PDB file of N, CA and C in Angstrom:
ATOM      1  N   UNK A   1    -149.225  90.720 -59.977  1.00  0.00           N
ATOM      2  CA  UNK A   1    -150.667  90.839 -59.796  1.00  0.00           C
ATOM      3  C   UNK A   1    -151.206  89.529 -59.260  1.00  0.00           C
ATOM      4  N   UNK A   2    -152.166  89.646 -58.395  1.00  0.00           N
ATOM      5  CA  UNK A   2    -152.786  88.474 -57.794  1.00  0.00           C
ATOM      6  C   UNK A   2    -154.002  88.087 -58.627  1.00  0.00           C
ATOM      7  N   UNK A   3    -154.065  86.815 -58.988  1.00  0.00           N
ATOM      8  CA  UNK A   3    -155.205  86.321 -59.757  1.00  0.00           C
ATOM      9  C   UNK A   3    -156.193  85.702 -58.780  1.00  0.00           C
ATOM     10  N   UNK A   4    -157.458  86.028 -58.918  1.00  0.00           N
ATOM     11  CA  UNK A   4    -158.469  85.516 -57.997  1.00  0.00           C
ATOM     12  C   UNK A   4    -158.571  83.998 -58.094  1.00  0.00           C
ATOM     13  N   UNK A   5    -159.019  83.398 -57.003  1.00  0.00           N
ATOM     14  CA  UNK A   5    -159.189  81.945 -56.954  1.00  0.00           C
ATOM     15  C   UNK A   5    -160.161  81.481 -58.029  1.00  0.00           C
ATOM     16  N   UNK A   6    -161.264  82.186 -58.192  1.00  0.00           N
ATOM     17  CA  UNK A   6    -162.263  81.805 -59.199  1.00  0.00           C
ATOM     18  C   UNK A   6    -161.659  81.845 -60.598  1.00  0.00           C
ATOM     19  N   UNK A   7    -160.871  82.874 -60.856  1.00  0.00           N
ATOM     20  CA  UNK A   7    -160.241  82.984 -62.176  1.00  0.00           C
ATOM     21  C   UNK A   7    -159.250  81.845 -62.397  1.00  0.00           C
ATOM     22  N   UNK A   8    -158.464  81.517 -61.381  1.00  0.00           N
ATOM     23  CA  UNK A   8    -157.508  80.406 -61.489  1.00  0.00           C
ATOM     24  C   UNK A   8    -158.240  79.094 -61.740  1.00  0.00           C
ATOM     25  N   UNK A   9    -159.362  78.893 -61.030  1.00  0.00           N
ATOM     26  CA  UNK A   9    -160.147  77.678 -61.240  1.00  0.00           C
ATOM     27  C   UNK A   9    -160.672  77.621 -62.670  1.00  0.00           C
ATOM     28  N   UNK A  10    -161.089  78.755 -63.190  1.00  0.00           N
ATOM     29  CA  UNK A  10    -161.565  78.820 -64.571  1.00  0.00           C
ATOM     30  C   UNK A  10    -160.464  78.488 -65.561  1.00  0.00           C
ATOM     31  N   UNK A  11    -159.287  79.009 -65.300  1.00  0.00           N
ATOM     32  CA  UNK A  11    -158.138  78.724 -66.164  1.00  0.00           C
ATOM     33  C   UNK A  11    -157.809  77.237 -66.112  1.00  0.00           C
ATOM     34  N   UNK A  12    -157.794  76.666 -64.913  1.00  0.00           N
ATOM     35  CA  UNK A  12    -157.503  75.238 -64.764  1.00  0.00           C
ATOM     36  C   UNK A  12    -158.546  74.383 -65.472  1.00  0.00           C
ATOM     37  N   UNK A  13    -159.826  74.770 -65.366  1.00  0.00           N
ATOM     38  CA  UNK A  13    -160.886  74.040 -66.067  1.00  0.00           C
ATOM     39  C   UNK A  13    -160.666  74.095 -67.570  1.00  0.00           C
ATOM     40  N   UNK A  14    -160.288  75.250 -68.068  1.00  0.00           N
ATOM     41  CA  UNK A  14    -160.028  75.404 -69.496  1.00  0.00           C
ATOM     42  C   UNK A  14    -158.875  74.534 -69.955  1.00  0.00           C
ATOM     43  N   UNK A  15    -157.830  74.478 -69.160  1.00  0.00           N
ATOM     44  CA  UNK A  15    -156.684  73.632 -69.487  1.00  0.00           C
ATOM     45  C   UNK A  15    -157.105  72.171 -69.499  1.00  0.00           C
ATOM     46  N   UNK A  16    -157.844  71.750 -68.467  1.00  0.00           N
ATOM     47  CA  UNK A  16    -158.312  70.360 -68.399  1.00  0.00           C
ATOM     48  C   UNK A  16    -159.180  70.010 -69.599  1.00  0.00           C
ATOM     49  N   UNK A  17    -160.067  70.923 -69.978  1.00  0.00           N
ATOM     50  CA  UNK A  17    -160.943  70.679 -71.123  1.00  0.00           C
ATOM     51  C   UNK A  17    -160.119  70.546 -72.401  1.00  0.00           C
ATOM     52  N   UNK A  18    -159.123  71.383 -72.557  1.00  0.00           N
ATOM     53  CA  UNK A  18    -158.255  71.309 -73.728  1.00  0.00           C
ATOM     54  C   UNK A  18    -157.507  69.991 -73.789  1.00  0.00           C
ATOM     55  N   UNK A  19    -157.038  69.528 -72.650  1.00  0.00           N
ATOM     56  CA  UNK A  19    -156.333  68.246 -72.590  1.00  0.00           C
ATOM     57  C   UNK A  19    -157.286  67.118 -72.973  1.00  0.00           C
ATOM     58  N   UNK A  20    -158.508  67.140 -72.423  1.00  0.00           N
ATOM     59  CA  UNK A  20    -159.493  66.105 -72.747  1.00  0.00           C
ATOM     60  C   UNK A  20    -159.809  66.094 -74.238  1.00  0.00           C
ATOM     61  N   UNK A  21    -159.965  67.273 -74.838  1.00  0.00           N
ATOM     62  CA  UNK A  21    -160.245  67.351 -76.272  1.00  0.00           C
ATOM     63  C   UNK A  21    -159.078  66.781 -77.076  1.00  0.00           C
ATOM     64  N   UNK A  22    -157.864  67.066 -76.641  1.00  0.00           N
ATOM     65  CA  UNK A  22    -156.684  66.539 -77.325  1.00  0.00           C
ATOM     66  C   UNK A  22    -156.619  65.028 -77.254  1.00  0.00           C
ATOM     67  N   UNK A  23    -156.920  64.479 -76.093  1.00  0.00           N
ATOM     68  CA  UNK A  23    -156.921  63.024 -75.924  1.00  0.00           C
ATOM     69  C   UNK A  23    -157.982  62.403 -76.826  1.00  0.00           C
ATOM     70  N   UNK A  24    -159.164  63.000 -76.865  1.00  0.00           N
ATOM     71  CA  UNK A  24    -160.256  62.501 -77.713  1.00  0.00           C
ATOM     72  C   UNK A  24    -159.843  62.519 -79.183  1.00  0.00           C
ATOM     73  N   UNK A  25    -159.163  63.577 -79.600  1.00  0.00           N
ATOM     74  CA  UNK A  25    -158.715  63.696 -80.993  1.00  0.00           C
ATOM     75  C   UNK A  25    -157.722  62.586 -81.335  1.00  0.00           C
ATOM     76  N   UNK A  26    -156.809  62.303 -80.428  1.00  0.00           N
ATOM     77  CA  UNK A  26    -155.827  61.237 -80.654  1.00  0.00           C
ATOM     78  C   UNK A  26    -156.528  59.885 -80.737  1.00  0.00           C
ATOM     79  N   UNK A  27    -157.489  59.641 -79.843  1.00  0.00           N
ATOM     80  CA  UNK A  27    -158.234  58.375 -79.878  1.00  0.00           C
ATOM     81  C   UNK A  27    -158.924  58.195 -81.224  1.00  0.00           C
ATOM     82  N   UNK A  28    -159.507  59.275 -81.732  1.00  0.00           N
ATOM     83  CA  UNK A  28    -160.198  59.197 -83.021  1.00  0.00           C
ATOM     84  C   UNK A  28    -159.212  58.929 -84.164  1.00  0.00           C
ATOM     85  N   UNK A  29    -158.035  59.536 -84.102  1.00  0.00           N
ATOM     86  CA  UNK A  29    -157.018  59.294 -85.133  1.00  0.00           C
ATOM     87  C   UNK A  29    -156.552  57.839 -85.104  1.00  0.00           C
ATOM     88  N   UNK A  30    -156.355  57.316 -83.901  1.00  0.00           N
ATOM     89  CA  UNK A  30    -155.948  55.914 -83.756  1.00  0.00           C
ATOM     90  C   UNK A  30    -157.052  55.005 -84.286  1.00  0.00           C
ATOM     91  N   UNK A  31    -158.294  55.313 -83.935  1.00  0.00           N
ATOM     92  CA  UNK A  31    -159.422  54.509 -84.408  1.00  0.00           C
ATOM     93  C   UNK A  31    -159.461  54.491 -85.931  1.00  0.00           C
ATOM     94  N   UNK A  32    -159.304  55.644 -86.551  1.00  0.00           N
ATOM     95  CA  UNK A  32    -159.323  55.708 -88.013  1.00  0.00           C
ATOM     96  C   UNK A  32    -158.194  54.876 -88.610  1.00  0.00           C
ATOM     97  N   UNK A  33    -157.033  54.965 -88.030  1.00  0.00           N
ATOM     98  CA  UNK A  33    -155.909  54.179 -88.533  1.00  0.00           C
ATOM     99  C   UNK A  33    -156.198  52.679 -88.418  1.00  0.00           C
ATOM    100  N   UNK A  34    -156.758  52.265 -87.284  1.00  0.00           N
ATOM    101  CA  UNK A  34    -157.086  50.852 -87.099  1.00  0.00           C
ATOM    102  C   UNK A  34    -158.184  50.412 -88.062  1.00  0.00           C
ATOM    103  N   UNK A  35    -159.144  51.298 -88.328  1.00  0.00           N
ATOM    104  CA  UNK A  35    -160.195  50.990 -89.302  1.00  0.00           C
ATOM    105  C   UNK A  35    -159.573  50.757 -90.674  1.00  0.00           C
ATOM    106  N   UNK A  36    -158.659  51.627 -91.080  1.00  0.00           N
ATOM    107  CA  UNK A  36    -158.032  51.483 -92.399  1.00  0.00           C
ATOM    108  C   UNK A  36    -157.142  50.251 -92.474  1.00  0.00           C
ATOM    109  N   UNK A  37    -156.724  49.745 -91.304  1.00  0.00           N
ATOM    110  CA  UNK A  37    -155.917  48.519 -91.255  1.00  0.00           C
ATOM    111  C   UNK A  37    -156.800  47.280 -91.107  1.00  0.00           C
ATOM    112  N   UNK A  38    -158.124  47.487 -91.221  1.00  0.00           N
ATOM    113  CA  UNK A  38    -159.112  46.405 -91.160  1.00  0.00           C
ATOM    114  C   UNK A  38    -159.144  45.654 -89.841  1.00  0.00           C
ATOM    115  N   UNK A  39    -158.874  46.349 -88.747  1.00  0.00           N
ATOM    116  CA  UNK A  39    -159.018  45.736 -87.420  1.00  0.00           C
ATOM    117  C   UNK A  39    -160.502  45.525 -87.146  1.00  0.00           C
ATOM    118  N   UNK A  40    -160.849  44.467 -86.424  1.00  0.00           N
ATOM    119  CA  UNK A  40    -162.255  44.271 -86.034  1.00  0.00           C
ATOM    120  C   UNK A  40    -162.723  45.432 -85.149  1.00  0.00           C
ATOM    121  N   UNK A  41    -163.956  45.862 -85.361  1.00  0.00           N
ATOM    122  CA  UNK A  41    -164.493  47.005 -84.618  1.00  0.00           C
ATOM    123  C   UNK A  41    -164.426  46.772 -83.115  1.00  0.00           C
ATOM    124  N   UNK A  42    -164.694  45.547 -82.676  1.00  0.00           N
ATOM    125  CA  UNK A  42    -164.657  45.260 -81.237  1.00  0.00           C
ATOM    126  C   UNK A  42    -163.269  45.547 -80.655  1.00  0.00           C
ATOM    127  N   UNK A  43    -162.237  45.223 -81.417  1.00  0.00           N
ATOM    128  CA  UNK A  43    -160.863  45.474 -80.963  1.00  0.00           C
ATOM    129  C   UNK A  43    -160.555  46.972 -80.951  1.00  0.00           C
ATOM    130  N   UNK A  44    -161.115  47.709 -81.891  1.00  0.00           N
ATOM    131  CA  UNK A  44    -160.907  49.156 -81.936  1.00  0.00           C
ATOM    132  C   UNK A  44    -161.560  49.809 -80.723  1.00  0.00           C
ATOM    133  N   UNK A  45    -162.774  49.359 -80.394  1.00  0.00           N
ATOM    134  CA  UNK A  45    -163.458  49.864 -79.198  1.00  0.00           C
ATOM    135  C   UNK A  45    -162.600  49.596 -77.971  1.00  0.00           C
ATOM    136  N   UNK A  46    -162.087  48.381 -77.882  1.00  0.00           N
ATOM    137  CA  UNK A  46    -161.257  47.988 -76.734  1.00  0.00           C
ATOM    138  C   UNK A  46    -159.965  48.809 -76.668  1.00  0.00           C
ATOM    139  N   UNK A  47    -159.342  49.029 -77.812  1.00  0.00           N
ATOM    140  CA  UNK A  47    -158.049  49.720 -77.848  1.00  0.00           C
ATOM    141  C   UNK A  47    -158.167  51.218 -77.576  1.00  0.00           C
ATOM    142  N   UNK A  48    -159.273  51.823 -77.995  1.00  0.00           N
ATOM    143  CA  UNK A  48    -159.392  53.280 -77.904  1.00  0.00           C
ATOM    144  C   UNK A  48    -160.290  53.771 -76.774  1.00  0.00           C
ATOM    145  N   UNK A  49    -161.093  52.892 -76.211  1.00  0.00           N
ATOM    146  CA  UNK A  49    -162.106  53.269 -75.208  1.00  0.00           C
ATOM    147  C   UNK A  49    -163.186  54.180 -75.785  1.00  0.00           C
ATOM    148  N   UNK A  50    -163.284  54.248 -77.097  1.00  0.00           N
ATOM    149  CA  UNK A  50    -164.393  54.964 -77.724  1.00  0.00           C
ATOM    150  C   UNK A  50    -165.571  54.005 -77.811  1.00  0.00           C
ATOM    151  N   UNK A  51    -166.795  54.547 -77.784  1.00  0.00           N
ATOM    152  CA  UNK A  51    -167.944  53.648 -77.862  1.00  0.00           C
ATOM    153  C   UNK A  51    -168.188  53.199 -79.305  1.00  0.00           C
ATOM    154  N   UNK A  52    -168.958  52.137 -79.430  1.00  0.00           N
ATOM    155  CA  UNK A  52    -169.210  51.521 -80.730  1.00  0.00           C
ATOM    156  C   UNK A  52    -169.813  52.516 -81.721  1.00  0.00           C
ATOM    157  N   UNK A  53    -170.750  53.329 -81.264  1.00  0.00           N
ATOM    158  CA  UNK A  53    -171.390  54.302 -82.149  1.00  0.00           C
ATOM    159  C   UNK A  53    -170.374  55.295 -82.713  1.00  0.00           C
ATOM    160  N   UNK A  54    -169.443  55.720 -81.881  1.00  0.00           N
ATOM    161  CA  UNK A  54    -168.412  56.668 -82.325  1.00  0.00           C
ATOM    162  C   UNK A  54    -167.521  56.027 -83.381  1.00  0.00           C
ATOM    163  N   UNK A  55    -167.133  54.781 -83.156  1.00  0.00           N
ATOM    164  CA  UNK A  55    -166.285  54.068 -84.123  1.00  0.00           C
ATOM    165  C   UNK A  55    -167.021  53.934 -85.457  1.00  0.00           C
ATOM    166  N   UNK A  56    -168.287  53.549 -85.402  1.00  0.00           N
ATOM    167  CA  UNK A  56    -169.068  53.392 -86.636  1.00  0.00           C
ATOM    168  C   UNK A  56    -169.212  54.724 -87.366  1.00  0.00           C
ATOM    169  N   UNK A  57    -169.362  55.813 -86.610  1.00  0.00           N
ATOM    170  CA  UNK A  57    -169.469  57.140 -87.227  1.00  0.00           C
ATOM    171  C   UNK A  57    -168.160  57.506 -87.927  1.00  0.00           C
ATOM    172  N   UNK A  58    -167.043  57.264 -87.260  1.00  0.00           N
ATOM    173  CA  UNK A  58    -165.730  57.543 -87.858  1.00  0.00           C
ATOM    174  C   UNK A  58    -165.568  56.724 -89.135  1.00  0.00           C
ATOM    175  N   UNK A  59    -165.965  55.465 -89.066  1.00  0.00           N
ATOM    176  CA  UNK A  59    -165.855  54.570 -90.222  1.00  0.00           C
ATOM    177  C   UNK A  59    -166.702  55.083 -91.391  1.00  0.00           C
ATOM    178  N   UNK A  60    -167.939  55.488 -91.118  1.00  0.00           N
ATOM    179  CA  UNK A  60    -168.823  55.940 -92.200  1.00  0.00           C
ATOM    180  C   UNK A  60    -168.361  57.274 -92.797  1.00  0.00           C
ATOM    181  N   UNK A  61    -167.726  58.110 -91.993  1.00  0.00           N
ATOM    182  CA  UNK A  61    -167.239  59.404 -92.483  1.00  0.00           C
ATOM    183  C   UNK A  61    -166.031  59.266 -93.403  1.00  0.00           C
ATOM    184  N   UNK A  62    -165.358  58.127 -93.357  1.00  0.00           N
ATOM    185  CA  UNK A  62    -164.115  57.967 -94.123  1.00  0.00           C
ATOM    186  C   UNK A  62    -164.175  56.812 -95.112  1.00  0.00           C
ATOM    187  N   UNK A  63    -165.360  56.543 -95.631  1.00  0.00           N
ATOM    188  CA  UNK A  63    -165.474  55.474 -96.640  1.00  0.00           C
ATOM    189  C   UNK A  63    -165.217  56.024 -98.007  1.00  0.00           C
TER     190      UNK A  63
END
């Protein structure tokens, strides 16, 4: 069966979105681990490419 171009593009977008969500989840896990290891927040931002607000939110959720 032939899949339409629009449908293929939709499937590819879904795959890309899933990959991005997975990468974000890993970054958050790494950030949490670094927080528990008492790394300076600035270094966590640098290491994960997450913004400062996100790091602070992760930190406050796991106190």
